[in-house]
């Protein structure tokens, strides 16, 4: 199992179709990244047999038994009290112990967030971790955070999220000093709460020393329009915006199917438009953007959608590998240490 690539710890029991989609997803990821090895945590002979069925994966994977599974409806507090020998906890602990570079799970989001924060902790200068993901836009791809980890945020939190989001965009999308916008009810400087105004003031005052370019306030339609590379907001607004975008995409798909099946002429039009529609479907395929990341921890933790298939799970593994290969954690530590050295700590009182 010797390998020079990253080692990814997998929670084989998380997700609606676990463990099949996890093991199959790992096999797909191994084909894409042949130097990657895996620590797969699960329970029972089913996981072992699935790994054994794929000889190429088995040569790069090590199975470790876990006695419990955190259910999809378990409360985060219950998972923290009782989940120490669960497949999810053990995968995250492998990252803490240095056995793995990153952990990926399609399990309970609240439990994964709570256990990740407890096990991995946060580096100096980061008050709260944030959930971030990549989404398609009219101009390419955009990073958005927070997507639900922190329902209420102060200006310091938003300032930190801007830095974390910029470093994440650099690691996964190869963006040099990405543009960052604060989601607001309007683009005018006078609009918004005192919190978001204070966050904007901090970013403007320090922009020259940050790994980003601050674009000011953006509105909801600017997200999909791709006006900025990184969208920063609190977890409540971010989660609502994300779910609204996902629902709009599904509605658009339903409208297309309904329209092209409405008449014989419409069905003929579908045959002519099928190549273009295939490209559109591939561009908007949610599996392509699967893999939300908890930024601001002393380790890489990636959340795959619970309903994803093997291809989607493999893409989530790919996000973890990209972050590891581009030194995301090292960049975060170095950036926040540099800010503290320069006296540019993320405190509104310093303005």
Protein backbone atom coordinates (compact mmCIF):
# COMPACT_ATOMS: atom_id res chain seq x y z
CA UNK A 1 0.00 0.00 0.00
CA UNK A 2 3.00 2.29 -0.23
CA UNK A 3 2.10 5.52 -1.96
CA UNK A 4 3.40 9.05 -2.24
CA UNK A 5 -0.07 10.51 -2.64
CA UNK A 6 -2.55 11.61 0.04
CA UNK A 7 -4.36 9.20 2.31
CA UNK A 8 -8.13 9.74 2.53
CA UNK A 9 -10.17 8.40 5.44
CA UNK A 10 -13.69 7.35 4.41
CA UNK A 11 -16.82 6.88 6.52
CA UNK A 12 -18.21 3.83 4.71
CA UNK A 13 -21.48 3.87 6.67
CA UNK A 14 -22.63 7.43 5.91
CA UNK A 15 -25.21 8.20 3.22
CA UNK A 16 -28.51 6.85 1.92
CA UNK A 17 -26.89 4.08 -0.14
CA UNK A 18 -23.89 3.27 2.06
CA UNK A 19 -21.64 1.36 1.99
CA UNK A 20 -21.98 0.59 -1.74
CA UNK A 21 -21.67 4.16 -3.02
CA UNK A 22 -18.74 4.89 -0.71
CA UNK A 23 -16.65 1.92 -1.83
CA UNK A 24 -17.62 2.35 -5.49
CA UNK A 25 -16.87 6.07 -5.21
CA UNK A 26 -13.47 5.28 -3.72
CA UNK A 27 -12.76 2.98 -6.66
CA UNK A 28 -13.65 5.75 -9.13
CA UNK A 29 -11.49 8.25 -7.22
CA UNK A 30 -8.58 5.78 -7.25
CA UNK A 31 -8.81 5.57 -11.04
CA UNK A 32 -8.66 9.37 -11.26
CA UNK A 33 -5.92 9.72 -8.65
CA UNK A 34 -3.88 6.48 -8.80
CA UNK A 35 -1.42 7.53 -6.10
CA UNK A 36 -4.14 7.99 -3.46
CA UNK A 37 -4.60 5.45 -0.70
CA UNK A 38 -7.63 4.99 1.53
CA UNK A 39 -8.48 4.13 5.12
CA UNK A 40 -12.05 2.82 5.01
CA UNK A 41 -13.98 2.68 8.28
CA UNK A 42 -17.11 0.53 8.42
CA UNK A 43 -18.95 -2.23 10.14
CA UNK A 44 -19.57 -5.77 8.98
CA UNK A 45 -18.48 -8.14 6.27
CA UNK A 46 -20.34 -6.23 3.55
CA UNK A 47 -17.74 -3.46 3.45
CA UNK A 48 -14.87 -5.95 3.38
CA UNK A 49 -16.42 -7.88 0.51
CA UNK A 50 -17.06 -4.71 -1.50
CA UNK A 51 -13.43 -3.68 -1.16
CA UNK A 52 -12.21 -7.18 -2.05
CA UNK A 53 -14.33 -7.19 -5.23
CA UNK A 54 -12.18 -4.37 -6.64
CA UNK A 55 -8.57 -5.61 -6.64
CA UNK A 56 -7.13 -2.27 -7.71
CA UNK A 57 -8.87 -0.50 -4.82
CA UNK A 58 -8.00 -3.27 -2.36
CA UNK A 59 -4.32 -2.77 -3.16
CA UNK A 60 -4.60 0.88 -2.13
CA UNK A 61 -7.06 0.55 0.76
CA UNK A 62 -6.99 -0.55 4.36
CA UNK A 63 -10.22 -1.55 6.10
CA UNK A 64 -10.80 -0.77 9.77
CA UNK A 65 -13.79 -1.94 11.72
CA UNK A 66 -16.08 0.46 13.60
CA UNK A 67 -18.60 -0.85 16.10
CA UNK A 68 -21.28 1.83 15.72
CA UNK A 69 -22.94 3.96 13.05
CA UNK A 70 -24.27 7.50 13.51
CA UNK A 71 -27.80 7.54 12.10
CA UNK A 72 -29.06 10.19 9.73
CA UNK A 73 -31.52 11.53 12.32
CA UNK A 74 -29.16 11.50 15.33
CA UNK A 75 -28.75 14.78 17.18
CA UNK A 76 -25.26 16.28 17.15
CA UNK A 77 -25.12 16.24 20.95
CA UNK A 78 -25.98 12.54 21.02
CA UNK A 79 -23.33 11.78 18.39
CA UNK A 80 -20.72 13.60 20.48
CA UNK A 81 -21.63 11.57 23.57
CA UNK A 82 -21.93 8.13 22.03
CA UNK A 83 -20.16 8.13 18.67
CA UNK A 84 -16.50 7.71 19.56
CA UNK A 85 -16.26 4.27 17.92
CA UNK A 86 -18.43 5.17 14.95
CA UNK A 87 -17.13 5.04 11.39
CA UNK A 88 -17.52 8.84 11.14
CA UNK A 89 -15.59 9.62 14.32
CA UNK A 90 -12.81 7.16 13.57
CA UNK A 91 -12.32 8.61 10.07
CA UNK A 92 -11.93 12.10 11.54
CA UNK A 93 -9.66 10.82 14.30
CA UNK A 94 -7.38 9.31 11.63
CA UNK A 95 -6.90 12.85 10.31
CA UNK A 96 -6.16 14.16 13.80
CA UNK A 97 -3.58 11.41 14.40
CA UNK A 98 -1.86 12.13 11.09
CA UNK A 99 -2.74 8.76 9.55
CA UNK A 100 -4.94 10.42 6.91
CA UNK A 101 -4.76 13.72 5.07
CA UNK A 102 -8.52 14.24 4.91
CA UNK A 103 -11.83 12.62 5.85
CA UNK A 104 -14.91 12.28 3.65
CA UNK A 105 -18.39 11.33 4.85
CA UNK A 106 -21.90 11.34 3.39
CA UNK A 107 -23.39 10.96 6.84
CA UNK A 108 -25.35 13.19 9.23
CA UNK A 109 -24.31 16.81 8.53
CA UNK A 110 -24.89 18.14 12.04
CA UNK A 111 -23.01 15.25 13.61
CA UNK A 112 -20.13 15.58 11.16
CA UNK A 113 -19.85 19.30 11.87
CA UNK A 114 -19.91 18.82 15.64
CA UNK A 115 -17.45 15.91 15.68
CA UNK A 116 -15.11 17.61 13.20
CA UNK A 117 -14.98 20.70 15.38
CA UNK A 118 -14.44 18.65 18.54
CA UNK A 119 -11.80 16.31 17.11
CA UNK A 120 -9.87 18.61 14.76
CA UNK A 121 -10.24 21.93 16.58
CA UNK A 122 -9.46 25.28 14.95
CA UNK A 123 -6.17 27.02 14.20
CA UNK A 124 -5.19 30.26 15.91
CA UNK A 125 -7.10 33.22 14.53
CA UNK A 126 -10.21 31.28 13.47
CA UNK A 127 -13.22 31.62 15.77
CA UNK A 128 -15.66 29.36 13.91
CA UNK A 129 -15.47 26.88 11.04
CA UNK A 130 -17.69 27.49 8.01
CA UNK A 131 -19.23 25.18 5.44
CA UNK A 132 -18.24 26.01 1.86
CA UNK A 133 -19.04 24.55 -1.53
CA UNK A 134 -18.52 25.22 -5.23
CA UNK A 135 -21.49 26.04 -7.45
CA UNK A 136 -21.89 26.68 -11.19
CA UNK A 137 -22.49 30.22 -12.43
CA UNK A 138 -22.93 32.06 -15.71
CA UNK A 139 -19.20 32.78 -15.82
CA UNK A 140 -17.79 29.51 -14.47
CA UNK A 141 -17.69 28.46 -10.82
CA UNK A 142 -18.06 30.28 -7.52
CA UNK A 143 -17.28 29.37 -3.90
CA UNK A 144 -20.00 30.13 -1.36
CA UNK A 145 -19.85 30.10 2.44
CA UNK A 146 -21.24 29.74 5.06
CA UNK A 147 -23.89 27.22 4.00
CA UNK A 148 -25.40 26.41 7.37
CA UNK A 149 -22.76 25.83 10.04
CA UNK A 150 -23.30 29.25 11.70
CA UNK A 151 -26.81 30.67 11.57
CA UNK A 152 -25.70 33.93 13.19
CA UNK A 153 -22.36 35.60 12.52
CA UNK A 154 -20.60 38.78 13.63
CA UNK A 155 -18.32 40.93 11.50
CA UNK A 156 -15.20 39.07 12.65
CA UNK A 157 -16.69 35.77 11.50
CA UNK A 158 -17.51 37.16 8.06
CA UNK A 159 -14.00 38.61 7.78
CA UNK A 160 -12.50 35.20 8.57
CA UNK A 161 -14.87 33.46 6.13
CA UNK A 162 -13.70 35.80 3.36
CA UNK A 163 -10.08 34.74 3.90
CA UNK A 164 -10.96 31.05 4.20
CA UNK A 165 -13.11 31.19 1.08
CA UNK A 166 -10.38 32.93 -0.91
CA UNK A 167 -7.79 30.32 0.11
CA UNK A 168 -10.25 27.53 -0.74
CA UNK A 169 -10.89 29.04 -4.20
CA UNK A 170 -7.15 29.25 -4.73
CA UNK A 171 -6.65 25.59 -3.77
CA UNK A 172 -9.56 24.04 -5.67
CA UNK A 173 -10.19 26.45 -8.58
CA UNK A 174 -6.62 27.75 -9.08
CA UNK A 175 -7.73 31.37 -8.60
CA UNK A 176 -5.05 33.92 -7.75
CA UNK A 177 -6.37 36.58 -5.34
CA UNK A 178 -10.04 35.76 -6.04
CA UNK A 179 -12.70 38.45 -5.84
CA UNK A 180 -14.88 38.30 -2.71
CA UNK A 181 -18.35 39.76 -2.23
CA UNK A 182 -20.57 40.03 0.85
CA UNK A 183 -24.15 38.93 0.22
CA UNK A 184 -26.49 41.80 1.09
CA UNK A 185 -29.96 43.18 0.38
CA UNK A 186 -28.44 45.64 -2.06
CA UNK A 187 -25.13 46.66 -3.58
CA UNK A 188 -25.23 50.19 -2.15
CA UNK A 189 -22.85 50.89 0.74
CA UNK A 190 -25.61 52.27 2.97
CA UNK A 191 -27.69 49.08 2.83
CA UNK A 192 -27.50 46.12 5.16
CA UNK A 193 -27.09 45.43 8.86
CA UNK A 194 -24.42 46.95 11.08
CA UNK A 195 -22.68 43.55 11.08
CA UNK A 196 -22.24 43.33 7.34
CA UNK A 197 -21.23 47.00 7.11
CA UNK A 198 -18.54 46.42 9.74
CA UNK A 199 -17.30 43.33 7.88
CA UNK A 200 -17.09 45.35 4.66
CA UNK A 201 -15.13 48.09 6.45
CA UNK A 202 -12.64 45.52 7.76
CA UNK A 203 -12.12 43.98 4.32
CA UNK A 204 -11.66 47.37 2.64
CA UNK A 205 -9.20 48.57 5.27
CA UNK A 206 -7.06 45.42 5.02
CA UNK A 207 -7.54 44.45 1.37
CA UNK A 208 -3.95 45.18 0.39
CA UNK A 209 -2.69 42.67 2.97
CA UNK A 210 -5.20 39.91 2.20
CA UNK A 211 -5.11 37.09 -0.39
CA UNK A 212 -8.23 38.50 -2.08
CA UNK A 213 -9.78 41.43 -3.85
CA UNK A 214 -12.86 42.83 -2.13
CA UNK A 215 -15.71 43.59 -4.55
CA UNK A 216 -18.12 45.04 -1.99
CA UNK A 217 -21.74 44.01 -1.58
CA UNK A 218 -23.57 41.70 -3.98
CA UNK A 219 -27.23 40.72 -4.28
CA UNK A 220 -28.84 37.31 -4.62
CA UNK A 221 -28.95 37.29 -8.42
CA UNK A 222 -25.22 38.10 -8.53
CA UNK A 223 -24.45 34.64 -7.09
CA UNK A 224 -25.58 32.73 -10.16
CA UNK A 225 -24.44 35.58 -12.36
CA UNK A 226 -20.88 34.87 -11.26
CA UNK A 227 -20.12 38.46 -10.29
CA UNK A 228 -17.50 37.35 -7.75
CA UNK A 229 -15.34 34.27 -7.17
CA UNK A 230 -16.30 33.93 -3.49
CA UNK A 231 -19.66 34.73 -1.90
CA UNK A 232 -19.58 35.31 1.87
CA UNK A 233 -22.64 35.32 4.12
CA UNK A 234 -24.00 33.90 7.35
CA UNK A 235 -25.12 30.27 7.50
CA UNK A 236 -28.84 31.07 7.53
CA UNK A 237 -28.80 33.19 4.37
CA UNK A 238 -26.29 30.90 2.68
CA UNK A 239 -28.32 27.77 3.28
CA UNK A 240 -31.52 29.44 2.03
CA UNK A 241 -29.74 30.71 -1.09
CA UNK A 242 -28.21 27.30 -1.81
CA UNK A 243 -31.47 25.38 -1.39
CA UNK A 244 -33.31 27.96 -3.52
CA UNK A 245 -30.74 27.56 -6.31
CA UNK A 246 -30.99 23.75 -6.12
CA UNK A 247 -34.79 23.93 -6.25
CA UNK A 248 -34.71 26.33 -9.20
CA UNK A 249 -32.40 23.95 -11.09
CA UNK A 250 -34.78 21.03 -10.49
CA UNK A 251 -37.75 23.14 -11.57
CA UNK A 252 -35.94 24.15 -14.75
CA UNK A 253 -35.30 20.48 -15.52
CA UNK A 254 -38.95 19.62 -14.95
CA UNK A 255 -40.04 22.43 -17.26
CA UNK A 256 -37.70 21.18 -19.99
CA UNK A 257 -38.97 17.60 -19.73
CA UNK A 258 -42.59 18.76 -19.72
CA UNK A 259 -42.07 21.07 -22.70
CA UNK A 260 -40.27 18.51 -24.88
CA UNK A 261 -42.93 15.86 -24.21
CA UNK A 262 -45.93 18.13 -24.81
CA UNK A 263 -46.47 17.27 -28.50
CA UNK A 264 -45.04 15.24 -31.38
CA UNK A 265 -43.40 18.38 -32.77
CA UNK A 266 -41.84 19.13 -29.37
CA UNK A 267 -40.46 15.59 -29.17
CA UNK A 268 -38.93 16.04 -32.62
CA UNK A 269 -37.39 19.29 -31.39
CA UNK A 270 -35.88 17.38 -28.49
CA UNK A 271 -34.12 15.01 -30.87
CA UNK A 272 -32.56 17.99 -32.66
CA UNK A 273 -31.58 19.70 -29.41
CA UNK A 274 -30.36 16.55 -27.60
CA UNK A 275 -26.59 17.20 -28.04
CA UNK A 276 -26.92 20.72 -26.63
CA UNK A 277 -29.15 19.51 -23.80
CA UNK A 278 -26.62 16.83 -22.93
CA UNK A 279 -23.91 19.48 -22.55
CA UNK A 280 -26.26 21.56 -20.39
CA UNK A 281 -27.08 18.56 -18.20
CA UNK A 282 -23.40 17.80 -17.72
CA UNK A 283 -22.65 21.40 -16.78
CA UNK A 284 -25.46 21.53 -14.21
CA UNK A 285 -25.04 17.98 -12.89
CA UNK A 286 -25.12 18.34 -9.07
CA UNK A 287 -22.76 15.39 -8.75
CA UNK A 288 -20.04 17.51 -10.35
CA UNK A 289 -20.23 19.98 -7.46
CA UNK A 290 -20.68 17.47 -4.67
CA UNK A 291 -18.47 17.97 -1.65
CA UNK A 292 -19.05 20.70 0.93
CA UNK A 293 -16.01 21.45 3.07
CA UNK A 294 -15.73 22.53 6.70
CA UNK A 295 -13.18 25.33 6.46
CA UNK A 296 -11.30 26.65 9.47
CA UNK A 297 -10.28 23.37 11.11
CA UNK A 298 -6.91 21.74 11.79
CA UNK A 299 -7.74 19.10 9.23
CA UNK A 300 -9.71 18.56 6.03
CA UNK A 301 -13.29 17.31 6.46
CA UNK A 302 -15.52 16.98 3.39
CA UNK A 303 -19.27 16.38 3.48
CA UNK A 304 -20.73 14.48 0.53
CA UNK A 305 -24.47 14.80 -0.09
CA UNK A 306 -26.27 11.94 1.62
CA UNK A 307 -28.25 11.11 -1.50
CA UNK A 308 -25.29 11.18 -3.88
CA UNK A 309 -24.28 8.23 -6.04
CA UNK A 310 -20.78 6.81 -6.47
CA UNK A 311 -19.77 9.43 -9.05
CA UNK A 312 -20.81 12.24 -6.74
CA UNK A 313 -18.96 10.67 -3.81
CA UNK A 314 -15.84 10.31 -5.95
CA UNK A 315 -16.06 14.02 -6.74
CA UNK A 316 -16.23 14.80 -3.02
CA UNK A 317 -13.07 12.74 -2.55
CA UNK A 318 -11.53 14.75 -5.37
CA UNK A 319 -12.20 17.99 -3.50
CA UNK A 320 -10.34 16.59 -0.47
CA UNK A 321 -7.41 15.54 -2.66
CA UNK A 322 -7.21 18.97 -4.32
CA UNK A 323 -7.11 20.69 -0.94
CA UNK A 324 -4.39 18.36 0.30
CA UNK A 325 -2.25 18.66 -2.82
CA UNK A 326 -2.39 22.46 -2.84
CA UNK A 327 -1.49 22.82 0.84
CA UNK A 328 -4.75 24.41 1.93
CA UNK A 329 -4.22 23.84 5.67
CA UNK A 330 -0.67 25.13 5.56
CA UNK A 331 -1.84 28.24 3.69
CA UNK A 332 -4.58 28.90 6.26
CA UNK A 333 -2.17 28.67 9.19
CA UNK A 334 0.42 30.83 7.46
CA UNK A 335 -2.13 33.47 6.45
CA UNK A 336 -3.65 33.91 9.91
CA UNK A 337 -0.23 33.89 11.56
CA UNK A 338 0.89 36.59 9.11
CA UNK A 339 -2.15 38.74 9.90
CA UNK A 340 -1.47 38.48 13.61
CA UNK A 341 2.19 39.40 13.07
CA UNK A 342 1.15 42.47 11.07
CA UNK A 343 -1.34 43.48 13.74
CA UNK A 344 -4.25 42.96 11.35
CA UNK A 345 -6.21 40.57 13.56
CA UNK A 346 -9.83 40.12 12.68
CA UNK A 347 -11.20 42.36 15.42
CA UNK A 348 -13.59 45.21 14.73
CA UNK A 349 -12.23 47.06 17.75
CA UNK A 350 -8.93 47.53 15.92
CA UNK A 351 -10.53 49.71 13.25
